[in-house]
Amino acid sequence: MNKGIINEPKEIEYIESEQSANTLFKFMRKIDYLKEIIRDCAIVPRYNDEIIDYLKITLIDERIAFPMTCFCDINLTKLNLHAKKYGKFGIGIKKEWAYKHIDIEPIHYINPTSSEMNDFREAFLEALSDNDKNLEKVSNYLLTSLLYMKPILGLMDNGESIKSYCFHDEREWRYIPHIDEKDMNLILRDKYLTDTYKSIANEALRLNKKYWLKFSPEDINYIIVENDKEAIELAEYIYALKKYTSNQILGMISKILILDNLGKDW
């Protein structure tokens, strides 16, 4: 066997989990956002702030922003707590669909005081300080790892205050698009970490469909609203959509669940 040659990994068919959910859920605060996702069968990533001071790397900022779409891997009976934080309107998409998508991954929760974190920190500093082009692939790998990394425990900014939080409870998966530098920057830092600039960047993402996370009506497992009134409103909205077949429309309507009812009879 020749050194330096990596065999292509064999594709493994999706296996249903017996412990975790087999659906990835995304929640939002307005029914209009949910309507847009269902209308387009796509989720538009947005630039979100991440506090990265836990890395303790002096050469990078304590806060950055990059485009992502987040999902939680939480069973139906425990979704209420998550919905209270992120909004009571949600869509649940098959995990099998996510497993086959090249840019959707469960994030890596890490203990900031661990040996692994220390090794990552040293490697990251070495890559930042070395101009050797041979390290470019290593640098790209470390940067990608950073974007899919989060501390087990840390600080969360909910827009009103910053509080200590157990991130591991979210069992988060992320979609991070490959951003073309001629369109916009992947990572926003320093003077670009403003609401105005992030709004401009988010609008650019909305207008450029190549960065959207697309799925089909058949990939949907659940559509979640808060109460009966909103379930009727959403069903009427879906029924009026012209771009889908009657079977797809009826299929989506049949998957509407009431958040208030989740967990009551389980």
C-alpha atoms as a PDB file:
ATOM      1  CA  MET A   1       0.000   0.000   0.000  1.00  0.00           C
ATOM      2  CA  ASN A   2       1.397   3.392  -0.986  1.00  0.00           C
ATOM      3  CA  LYS A   3       1.826   5.895   1.801  1.00  0.00           C
ATOM      4  CA  GLY A   4      -0.216   9.080   1.549  1.00  0.00           C
ATOM      5  CA  ILE A   5      -3.050   7.501  -0.453  1.00  0.00           C
ATOM      6  CA  ILE A   6      -6.398   7.557   1.322  1.00  0.00           C
ATOM      7  CA  ASN A   7      -8.988   5.021   0.228  1.00  0.00           C
ATOM      8  CA  GLU A   8     -12.399   6.413  -0.675  1.00  0.00           C
ATOM      9  CA  PRO A   9     -14.823   5.804   2.228  1.00  0.00           C
ATOM     10  CA  LYS A  10     -17.635   3.395   1.513  1.00  0.00           C
ATOM     11  CA  GLU A  11     -21.116   4.885   1.519  1.00  0.00           C
ATOM     12  CA  ILE A  12     -23.181   3.471   4.362  1.00  0.00           C
ATOM     13  CA  GLU A  13     -26.958   3.506   4.099  1.00  0.00           C
ATOM     14  CA  TYR A  14     -28.830   5.459   6.766  1.00  0.00           C
ATOM     15  CA  ILE A  15     -29.775   3.421   9.837  1.00  0.00           C
ATOM     16  CA  GLU A  16     -32.656   4.613  12.015  1.00  0.00           C
ATOM     17  CA  SER A  17     -31.637   5.566  15.527  1.00  0.00           C
ATOM     18  CA  GLU A  18     -33.153   3.801  18.520  1.00  0.00           C
ATOM     19  CA  GLN A  19     -32.086   6.504  20.998  1.00  0.00           C
ATOM     20  CA  SER A  20     -32.064   9.864  19.194  1.00  0.00           C
ATOM     21  CA  ALA A  21     -34.774  11.402  17.041  1.00  0.00           C
ATOM     22  CA  ASN A  22     -34.952  10.403  13.379  1.00  0.00           C
ATOM     23  CA  THR A  23     -36.050  13.922  12.556  1.00  0.00           C
ATOM     24  CA  LEU A  24     -34.136  17.215  12.653  1.00  0.00           C
ATOM     25  CA  PHE A  25     -36.256  20.136  13.852  1.00  0.00           C
ATOM     26  CA  LYS A  26     -35.914  23.830  13.101  1.00  0.00           C
ATOM     27  CA  PHE A  27     -37.959  26.340  15.108  1.00  0.00           C
ATOM     28  CA  MET A  28     -38.753  29.991  14.459  1.00  0.00           C
ATOM     29  CA  ARG A  29     -40.763  32.782  16.077  1.00  0.00           C
ATOM     30  CA  LYS A  30     -43.202  33.717  13.301  1.00  0.00           C
ATOM     31  CA  ILE A  31     -45.621  31.670  11.236  1.00  0.00           C
ATOM     32  CA  ASP A  32     -44.675  33.778   8.199  1.00  0.00           C
ATOM     33  CA  TYR A  33     -41.133  32.368   8.359  1.00  0.00           C
ATOM     34  CA  LEU A  34     -42.567  28.848   8.378  1.00  0.00           C
ATOM     35  CA  LYS A  35     -44.812  29.675   5.412  1.00  0.00           C
ATOM     36  CA  GLU A  36     -41.809  30.892   3.412  1.00  0.00           C
ATOM     37  CA  ILE A  37     -39.883  27.683   4.123  1.00  0.00           C
ATOM     38  CA  ILE A  38     -42.849  25.538   3.045  1.00  0.00           C
ATOM     39  CA  ARG A  39     -43.534  27.703  -0.029  1.00  0.00           C
ATOM     40  CA  ASP A  40     -39.929  27.422  -1.263  1.00  0.00           C
ATOM     41  CA  CYS A  41     -39.124  23.999   0.195  1.00  0.00           C
ATOM     42  CA  ALA A  42     -35.893  25.640   1.239  1.00  0.00           C
ATOM     43  CA  ILE A  43     -34.273  27.213   4.279  1.00  0.00           C
ATOM     44  CA  VAL A  44     -32.174  30.329   3.745  1.00  0.00           C
ATOM     45  CA  PRO A  45     -29.062  30.393   5.967  1.00  0.00           C
ATOM     46  CA  ARG A  46     -28.418  33.531   8.001  1.00  0.00           C
ATOM     47  CA  TYR A  47     -25.359  35.090   9.597  1.00  0.00           C
ATOM     48  CA  ASN A  48     -25.406  34.314  13.309  1.00  0.00           C
ATOM     49  CA  ASP A  49     -23.042  35.500  16.023  1.00  0.00           C
ATOM     50  CA  GLU A  50     -20.980  32.909  17.840  1.00  0.00           C
ATOM     51  CA  ILE A  51     -19.088  33.647  21.057  1.00  0.00           C
ATOM     52  CA  ILE A  52     -15.722  31.885  20.719  1.00  0.00           C
ATOM     53  CA  ASP A  53     -13.850  33.265  23.721  1.00  0.00           C
ATOM     54  CA  TYR A  54     -13.716  29.714  25.117  1.00  0.00           C
ATOM     55  CA  LEU A  55     -11.010  28.989  22.527  1.00  0.00           C
ATOM     56  CA  LYS A  56      -8.632  31.377  24.339  1.00  0.00           C
ATOM     57  CA  ILE A  57      -6.803  32.129  21.095  1.00  0.00           C
ATOM     58  CA  THR A  58      -5.441  35.667  21.314  1.00  0.00           C
ATOM     59  CA  LEU A  59      -5.022  36.101  17.547  1.00  0.00           C
ATOM     60  CA  ILE A  60      -8.747  35.807  16.788  1.00  0.00           C
ATOM     61  CA  ASP A  61     -11.816  37.666  18.029  1.00  0.00           C
ATOM     62  CA  GLU A  62     -14.041  36.640  20.911  1.00  0.00           C
ATOM     63  CA  ARG A  63     -17.071  36.897  18.625  1.00  0.00           C
ATOM     64  CA  ILE A  64     -17.541  36.139  14.935  1.00  0.00           C
ATOM     65  CA  ALA A  65     -20.527  35.678  12.625  1.00  0.00           C
ATOM     66  CA  PHE A  66     -20.963  33.188   9.803  1.00  0.00           C
ATOM     67  CA  PRO A  67     -23.915  31.847   7.754  1.00  0.00           C
ATOM     68  CA  MET A  68     -25.680  28.775   9.038  1.00  0.00           C
ATOM     69  CA  THR A  69     -28.961  26.999   9.528  1.00  0.00           C
ATOM     70  CA  CYS A  70     -29.344  25.113  12.800  1.00  0.00           C
ATOM     71  CA  PHE A  71     -31.444  22.087  13.702  1.00  0.00           C
ATOM     72  CA  CYS A  72     -32.002  20.203  16.927  1.00  0.00           C
ATOM     73  CA  ASP A  73     -31.911  16.421  17.292  1.00  0.00           C
ATOM     74  CA  ILE A  74     -34.552  16.170  20.044  1.00  0.00           C
ATOM     75  CA  ASN A  75     -37.435  13.735  20.425  1.00  0.00           C
ATOM     76  CA  LEU A  76     -40.992  15.036  19.981  1.00  0.00           C
ATOM     77  CA  THR A  77     -41.886  14.701  23.662  1.00  0.00           C
ATOM     78  CA  LYS A  78     -39.086  17.083  24.704  1.00  0.00           C
ATOM     79  CA  LEU A  79     -39.501  19.766  22.064  1.00  0.00           C
ATOM     80  CA  ASN A  80     -41.519  22.176  24.208  1.00  0.00           C
ATOM     81  CA  LEU A  81     -38.487  23.419  26.160  1.00  0.00           C
ATOM     82  CA  HIS A  82     -36.533  24.021  22.962  1.00  0.00           C
ATOM     83  CA  ALA A  83     -39.479  25.807  21.329  1.00  0.00           C
ATOM     84  CA  LYS A  84     -39.753  28.200  24.284  1.00  0.00           C
ATOM     85  CA  LYS A  85     -36.252  29.455  23.493  1.00  0.00           C
ATOM     86  CA  TYR A  86     -36.380  29.550  19.705  1.00  0.00           C
ATOM     87  CA  GLY A  87     -40.029  29.984  18.726  1.00  0.00           C
ATOM     88  CA  LYS A  88     -43.179  27.877  18.577  1.00  0.00           C
ATOM     89  CA  PHE A  89     -43.299  27.302  14.835  1.00  0.00           C
ATOM     90  CA  GLY A  90     -41.197  24.479  13.454  1.00  0.00           C
ATOM     91  CA  ILE A  91     -40.467  22.086  10.665  1.00  0.00           C
ATOM     92  CA  GLY A  92     -39.125  18.574  11.136  1.00  0.00           C
ATOM     93  CA  ILE A  93     -37.151  17.070   8.257  1.00  0.00           C
ATOM     94  CA  LYS A  94     -36.040  13.459   7.940  1.00  0.00           C
ATOM     95  CA  LYS A  95     -32.605  12.838   9.389  1.00  0.00           C
ATOM     96  CA  GLU A  96     -31.962  10.481   6.489  1.00  0.00           C
ATOM     97  CA  TRP A  97     -32.163  13.511   4.168  1.00  0.00           C
ATOM     98  CA  ALA A  98     -29.612  15.349   6.326  1.00  0.00           C
ATOM     99  CA  TYR A  99     -27.321  12.325   6.471  1.00  0.00           C
ATOM    100  CA  LYS A 100     -27.074  12.313   2.676  1.00  0.00           C
ATOM    101  CA  HIS A 101     -26.400  16.065   2.453  1.00  0.00           C
ATOM    102  CA  ILE A 102     -22.716  16.941   2.171  1.00  0.00           C
ATOM    103  CA  ASP A 103     -22.816  20.108   4.309  1.00  0.00           C
ATOM    104  CA  ILE A 104     -25.059  19.099   7.227  1.00  0.00           C
ATOM    105  CA  GLU A 105     -23.271  17.781  10.309  1.00  0.00           C
ATOM    106  CA  PRO A 106     -23.914  17.325  14.012  1.00  0.00           C
ATOM    107  CA  ILE A 107     -21.679  19.821  15.755  1.00  0.00           C
ATOM    108  CA  HIS A 108     -18.809  18.784  17.993  1.00  0.00           C
ATOM    109  CA  TYR A 109     -19.349  19.677  21.644  1.00  0.00           C
ATOM    110  CA  ILE A 110     -16.055  20.151  23.417  1.00  0.00           C
ATOM    111  CA  ASN A 111     -14.847  20.719  26.964  1.00  0.00           C
ATOM    112  CA  PRO A 112     -12.764  23.952  26.809  1.00  0.00           C
ATOM    113  CA  THR A 113     -10.376  22.603  29.448  1.00  0.00           C
ATOM    114  CA  SER A 114      -9.760  19.241  27.761  1.00  0.00           C
ATOM    115  CA  SER A 115      -6.549  17.949  26.199  1.00  0.00           C
ATOM    116  CA  GLU A 116      -8.326  17.876  22.833  1.00  0.00           C
ATOM    117  CA  MET A 117      -9.081  21.592  23.149  1.00  0.00           C
ATOM    118  CA  ASN A 118      -5.481  22.345  24.024  1.00  0.00           C
ATOM    119  CA  ASP A 119      -4.258  20.391  20.996  1.00  0.00           C
ATOM    120  CA  PHE A 120      -6.739  22.182  18.731  1.00  0.00           C
ATOM    121  CA  ARG A 121      -5.680  25.578  20.115  1.00  0.00           C
ATOM    122  CA  GLU A 122      -1.982  24.871  19.524  1.00  0.00           C
ATOM    123  CA  ALA A 123      -2.607  23.582  15.996  1.00  0.00           C
ATOM    124  CA  PHE A 124      -4.783  26.607  15.179  1.00  0.00           C
ATOM    125  CA  LEU A 125      -2.119  29.047  16.425  1.00  0.00           C
ATOM    126  CA  GLU A 126       0.550  27.229  14.442  1.00  0.00           C
ATOM    127  CA  ALA A 127      -1.541  27.393  11.261  1.00  0.00           C
ATOM    128  CA  LEU A 128      -2.244  31.103  11.791  1.00  0.00           C
ATOM    129  CA  SER A 129       1.386  32.030  12.339  1.00  0.00           C
ATOM    130  CA  ASP A 130       2.928  29.922   9.558  1.00  0.00           C
ATOM    131  CA  ASN A 131       2.895  31.163   5.946  1.00  0.00           C
ATOM    132  CA  ASP A 132       3.824  27.773   4.515  1.00  0.00           C
ATOM    133  CA  LYS A 133       1.378  26.963   1.704  1.00  0.00           C
ATOM    134  CA  ASN A 134       1.645  23.314   2.621  1.00  0.00           C
ATOM    135  CA  LEU A 135      -0.381  24.154   5.710  1.00  0.00           C
ATOM    136  CA  GLU A 136      -3.301  25.559   3.687  1.00  0.00           C
ATOM    137  CA  LYS A 137      -5.280  22.313   3.762  1.00  0.00           C
ATOM    138  CA  VAL A 138      -4.610  21.947   7.482  1.00  0.00           C
ATOM    139  CA  SER A 139      -5.769  25.531   8.050  1.00  0.00           C
ATOM    140  CA  ASN A 140      -8.962  24.922   6.071  1.00  0.00           C
ATOM    141  CA  TYR A 141      -9.670  21.797   8.098  1.00  0.00           C
ATOM    142  CA  LEU A 142      -9.131  23.617  11.400  1.00  0.00           C
ATOM    143  CA  LEU A 143     -11.377  26.490  10.315  1.00  0.00           C
ATOM    144  CA  THR A 144     -14.152  24.102   9.273  1.00  0.00           C
ATOM    145  CA  SER A 145     -13.792  22.286  12.591  1.00  0.00           C
ATOM    146  CA  LEU A 146     -14.130  25.601  14.413  1.00  0.00           C
ATOM    147  CA  LEU A 147     -17.388  26.419  12.588  1.00  0.00           C
ATOM    148  CA  TYR A 148     -18.876  23.072  13.630  1.00  0.00           C
ATOM    149  CA  MET A 149     -17.641  23.325  17.230  1.00  0.00           C
ATOM    150  CA  LYS A 150     -19.293  24.523  20.423  1.00  0.00           C
ATOM    151  CA  PRO A 151     -18.491  24.256  24.138  1.00  0.00           C
ATOM    152  CA  ILE A 152     -20.558  21.857  26.217  1.00  0.00           C
ATOM    153  CA  LEU A 153     -21.276  24.745  28.587  1.00  0.00           C
ATOM    154  CA  GLY A 154     -20.853  28.416  27.717  1.00  0.00           C
ATOM    155  CA  LEU A 155     -22.377  31.826  27.241  1.00  0.00           C
ATOM    156  CA  MET A 156     -25.480  32.358  25.118  1.00  0.00           C
ATOM    157  CA  ASP A 157     -26.613  35.709  23.720  1.00  0.00           C
ATOM    158  CA  ASN A 158     -30.408  35.693  23.308  1.00  0.00           C
ATOM    159  CA  GLY A 159     -30.513  39.257  22.004  1.00  0.00           C
ATOM    160  CA  GLU A 160     -31.452  40.699  25.386  1.00  0.00           C
ATOM    161  CA  SER A 161     -28.756  39.353  27.695  1.00  0.00           C
ATOM    162  CA  ILE A 162     -25.849  36.921  27.843  1.00  0.00           C
ATOM    163  CA  LYS A 163     -26.383  33.949  30.151  1.00  0.00           C
ATOM    164  CA  SER A 164     -24.659  30.704  31.044  1.00  0.00           C
ATOM    165  CA  TYR A 165     -26.158  27.831  29.093  1.00  0.00           C
ATOM    166  CA  CYS A 166     -25.839  24.070  28.497  1.00  0.00           C
ATOM    167  CA  PHE A 167     -25.416  23.924  24.722  1.00  0.00           C
ATOM    168  CA  HIS A 168     -25.250  20.139  24.707  1.00  0.00           C
ATOM    169  CA  ASP A 169     -28.995  20.009  25.499  1.00  0.00           C
ATOM    170  CA  GLU A 170     -29.700  21.310  21.984  1.00  0.00           C
ATOM    171  CA  ARG A 171     -28.078  18.348  20.206  1.00  0.00           C
ATOM    172  CA  GLU A 172     -27.389  20.723  17.342  1.00  0.00           C
ATOM    173  CA  TRP A 173     -26.775  19.952  13.675  1.00  0.00           C
ATOM    174  CA  ARG A 174     -25.612  22.691  11.290  1.00  0.00           C
ATOM    175  CA  TYR A 175     -25.736  23.515   7.622  1.00  0.00           C
ATOM    176  CA  ILE A 176     -22.958  25.922   6.608  1.00  0.00           C
ATOM    177  CA  PRO A 177     -22.895  26.834   2.910  1.00  0.00           C
ATOM    178  CA  HIS A 178     -19.683  27.088   0.893  1.00  0.00           C
ATOM    179  CA  ILE A 179     -19.502  30.838   0.344  1.00  0.00           C
ATOM    180  CA  ASP A 180     -17.908  32.154  -2.831  1.00  0.00           C
ATOM    181  CA  GLU A 181     -15.579  35.010  -1.825  1.00  0.00           C
ATOM    182  CA  LYS A 182     -16.707  37.114  -4.784  1.00  0.00           C
ATOM    183  CA  ASP A 183     -20.231  37.098  -3.310  1.00  0.00           C
ATOM    184  CA  MET A 184     -19.461  37.800   0.356  1.00  0.00           C
ATOM    185  CA  ASN A 185     -17.214  36.847   3.245  1.00  0.00           C
ATOM    186  CA  LEU A 186     -17.712  33.536   5.015  1.00  0.00           C
ATOM    187  CA  ILE A 187     -16.755  34.981   8.408  1.00  0.00           C
ATOM    188  CA  LEU A 188     -17.656  38.474   9.614  1.00  0.00           C
ATOM    189  CA  ARG A 189     -15.337  40.124  12.142  1.00  0.00           C
ATOM    190  CA  ASP A 190     -14.565  43.491  13.737  1.00  0.00           C
ATOM    191  CA  LYS A 191     -16.360  46.402  12.021  1.00  0.00           C
ATOM    192  CA  TYR A 192     -18.601  44.011  10.035  1.00  0.00           C
ATOM    193  CA  LEU A 193     -20.224  42.634  13.207  1.00  0.00           C
ATOM    194  CA  THR A 194     -23.050  45.149  13.056  1.00  0.00           C
ATOM    195  CA  ASP A 195     -26.776  44.604  12.592  1.00  0.00           C
ATOM    196  CA  THR A 196     -26.686  46.744   9.452  1.00  0.00           C
ATOM    197  CA  TYR A 197     -23.918  44.784   7.749  1.00  0.00           C
ATOM    198  CA  LYS A 198     -25.380  41.425   8.793  1.00  0.00           C
ATOM    199  CA  SER A 199     -28.742  42.485   7.334  1.00  0.00           C
ATOM    200  CA  ILE A 200     -27.028  43.278   4.026  1.00  0.00           C
ATOM    201  CA  ALA A 201     -25.234  39.904   4.075  1.00  0.00           C
ATOM    202  CA  ASN A 202     -28.442  38.059   4.953  1.00  0.00           C
ATOM    203  CA  GLU A 203     -30.265  39.740   2.083  1.00  0.00           C
ATOM    204  CA  ALA A 204     -27.477  38.650  -0.265  1.00  0.00           C
ATOM    205  CA  LEU A 205     -27.976  35.065   0.920  1.00  0.00           C
ATOM    206  CA  ARG A 206     -31.727  35.342   0.394  1.00  0.00           C
ATOM    207  CA  LEU A 207     -31.276  36.534  -3.175  1.00  0.00           C
ATOM    208  CA  ASN A 208     -28.718  33.891  -4.122  1.00  0.00           C
ATOM    209  CA  LYS A 209     -30.510  30.536  -4.258  1.00  0.00           C
ATOM    210  CA  LYS A 210     -27.319  28.522  -4.649  1.00  0.00           C
ATOM    211  CA  TYR A 211     -26.785  28.975  -0.899  1.00  0.00           C
ATOM    212  CA  TRP A 212     -30.283  27.824   0.078  1.00  0.00           C
ATOM    213  CA  LEU A 213     -30.782  24.509   1.844  1.00  0.00           C
ATOM    214  CA  LYS A 214     -33.335  22.751  -0.347  1.00  0.00           C
ATOM    215  CA  PHE A 215     -35.537  19.742   0.355  1.00  0.00           C
ATOM    216  CA  SER A 216     -38.699  18.164  -1.058  1.00  0.00           C
ATOM    217  CA  PRO A 217     -42.190  17.921   0.478  1.00  0.00           C
ATOM    218  CA  GLU A 218     -41.546  14.197   0.907  1.00  0.00           C
ATOM    219  CA  ASP A 219     -38.570  14.963   3.185  1.00  0.00           C
ATOM    220  CA  ILE A 220     -40.866  16.604   5.759  1.00  0.00           C
ATOM    221  CA  ASN A 221     -41.871  14.546   8.783  1.00  0.00           C
ATOM    222  CA  TYR A 222     -43.626  17.228  10.853  1.00  0.00           C
ATOM    223  CA  ILE A 223     -44.860  20.802  10.624  1.00  0.00           C
ATOM    224  CA  ILE A 224     -45.433  22.378  14.036  1.00  0.00           C
ATOM    225  CA  VAL A 225     -47.586  25.334  15.060  1.00  0.00           C
ATOM    226  CA  GLU A 226     -48.608  26.566  18.481  1.00  0.00           C
ATOM    227  CA  ASN A 227     -52.408  26.151  18.448  1.00  0.00           C
ATOM    228  CA  ASP A 228     -55.504  25.055  16.489  1.00  0.00           C
ATOM    229  CA  LYS A 229     -56.116  28.471  14.944  1.00  0.00           C
ATOM    230  CA  GLU A 230     -52.643  28.576  13.429  1.00  0.00           C
ATOM    231  CA  ALA A 231     -52.969  24.978  12.226  1.00  0.00           C
ATOM    232  CA  ILE A 232     -56.058  25.970  10.222  1.00  0.00           C
ATOM    233  CA  GLU A 233     -54.320  29.088   8.905  1.00  0.00           C
ATOM    234  CA  LEU A 234     -51.300  27.095   7.766  1.00  0.00           C
ATOM    235  CA  ALA A 235     -53.408  24.316   6.221  1.00  0.00           C
ATOM    236  CA  GLU A 236     -55.310  26.885   4.165  1.00  0.00           C
ATOM    237  CA  TYR A 237     -52.023  28.479   3.091  1.00  0.00           C
ATOM    238  CA  ILE A 238     -50.541  25.132   1.977  1.00  0.00           C
ATOM    239  CA  TYR A 239     -53.773  24.179   0.187  1.00  0.00           C
ATOM    240  CA  ALA A 240     -53.560  27.357  -1.913  1.00  0.00           C
ATOM    241  CA  LEU A 241     -49.985  26.711  -3.108  1.00  0.00           C
ATOM    242  CA  LYS A 242     -49.972  26.039  -6.850  1.00  0.00           C
ATOM    243  CA  LYS A 243     -46.451  24.657  -7.298  1.00  0.00           C
ATOM    244  CA  TYR A 244     -47.100  21.297  -5.609  1.00  0.00           C
ATOM    245  CA  THR A 245     -49.168  18.279  -6.605  1.00  0.00           C
ATOM    246  CA  SER A 246     -52.390  17.510  -4.742  1.00  0.00           C
ATOM    247  CA  ASN A 247     -50.692  14.532  -3.080  1.00  0.00           C
ATOM    248  CA  GLN A 248     -47.820  16.707  -1.881  1.00  0.00           C
ATOM    249  CA  ILE A 249     -50.230  19.330  -0.540  1.00  0.00           C
ATOM    250  CA  LEU A 250     -52.355  16.790   1.308  1.00  0.00           C
ATOM    251  CA  GLY A 251     -49.196  15.099   2.589  1.00  0.00           C
ATOM    252  CA  MET A 252     -47.856  18.334   4.094  1.00  0.00           C
ATOM    253  CA  ILE A 253     -51.197  19.255   5.640  1.00  0.00           C
ATOM    254  CA  SER A 254     -51.409  15.803   7.240  1.00  0.00           C
ATOM    255  CA  LYS A 255     -48.082  16.424   8.989  1.00  0.00           C
ATOM    256  CA  ILE A 256     -49.212  19.517  10.931  1.00  0.00           C
ATOM    257  CA  LEU A 257     -48.934  19.075  14.697  1.00  0.00           C
ATOM    258  CA  ILE A 258     -50.035  21.318  17.576  1.00  0.00           C
ATOM    259  CA  LEU A 259     -47.144  22.181  19.912  1.00  0.00           C
ATOM    260  CA  ASP A 260     -49.473  22.509  22.912  1.00  0.00           C
ATOM    261  CA  ASN A 261     -50.443  18.845  22.472  1.00  0.00           C
ATOM    262  CA  LEU A 262     -46.930  17.414  22.205  1.00  0.00           C
ATOM    263  CA  GLY A 263     -46.059  15.345  25.222  1.00  0.00           C
ATOM    264  CA  LYS A 264     -49.531  15.288  26.734  1.00  0.00           C
ATOM    265  CA  ASP A 265     -50.346  11.757  25.645  1.00  0.00           C
ATOM    266  CA  TRP A 266     -46.896  10.173  25.528  1.00  0.00           C
END
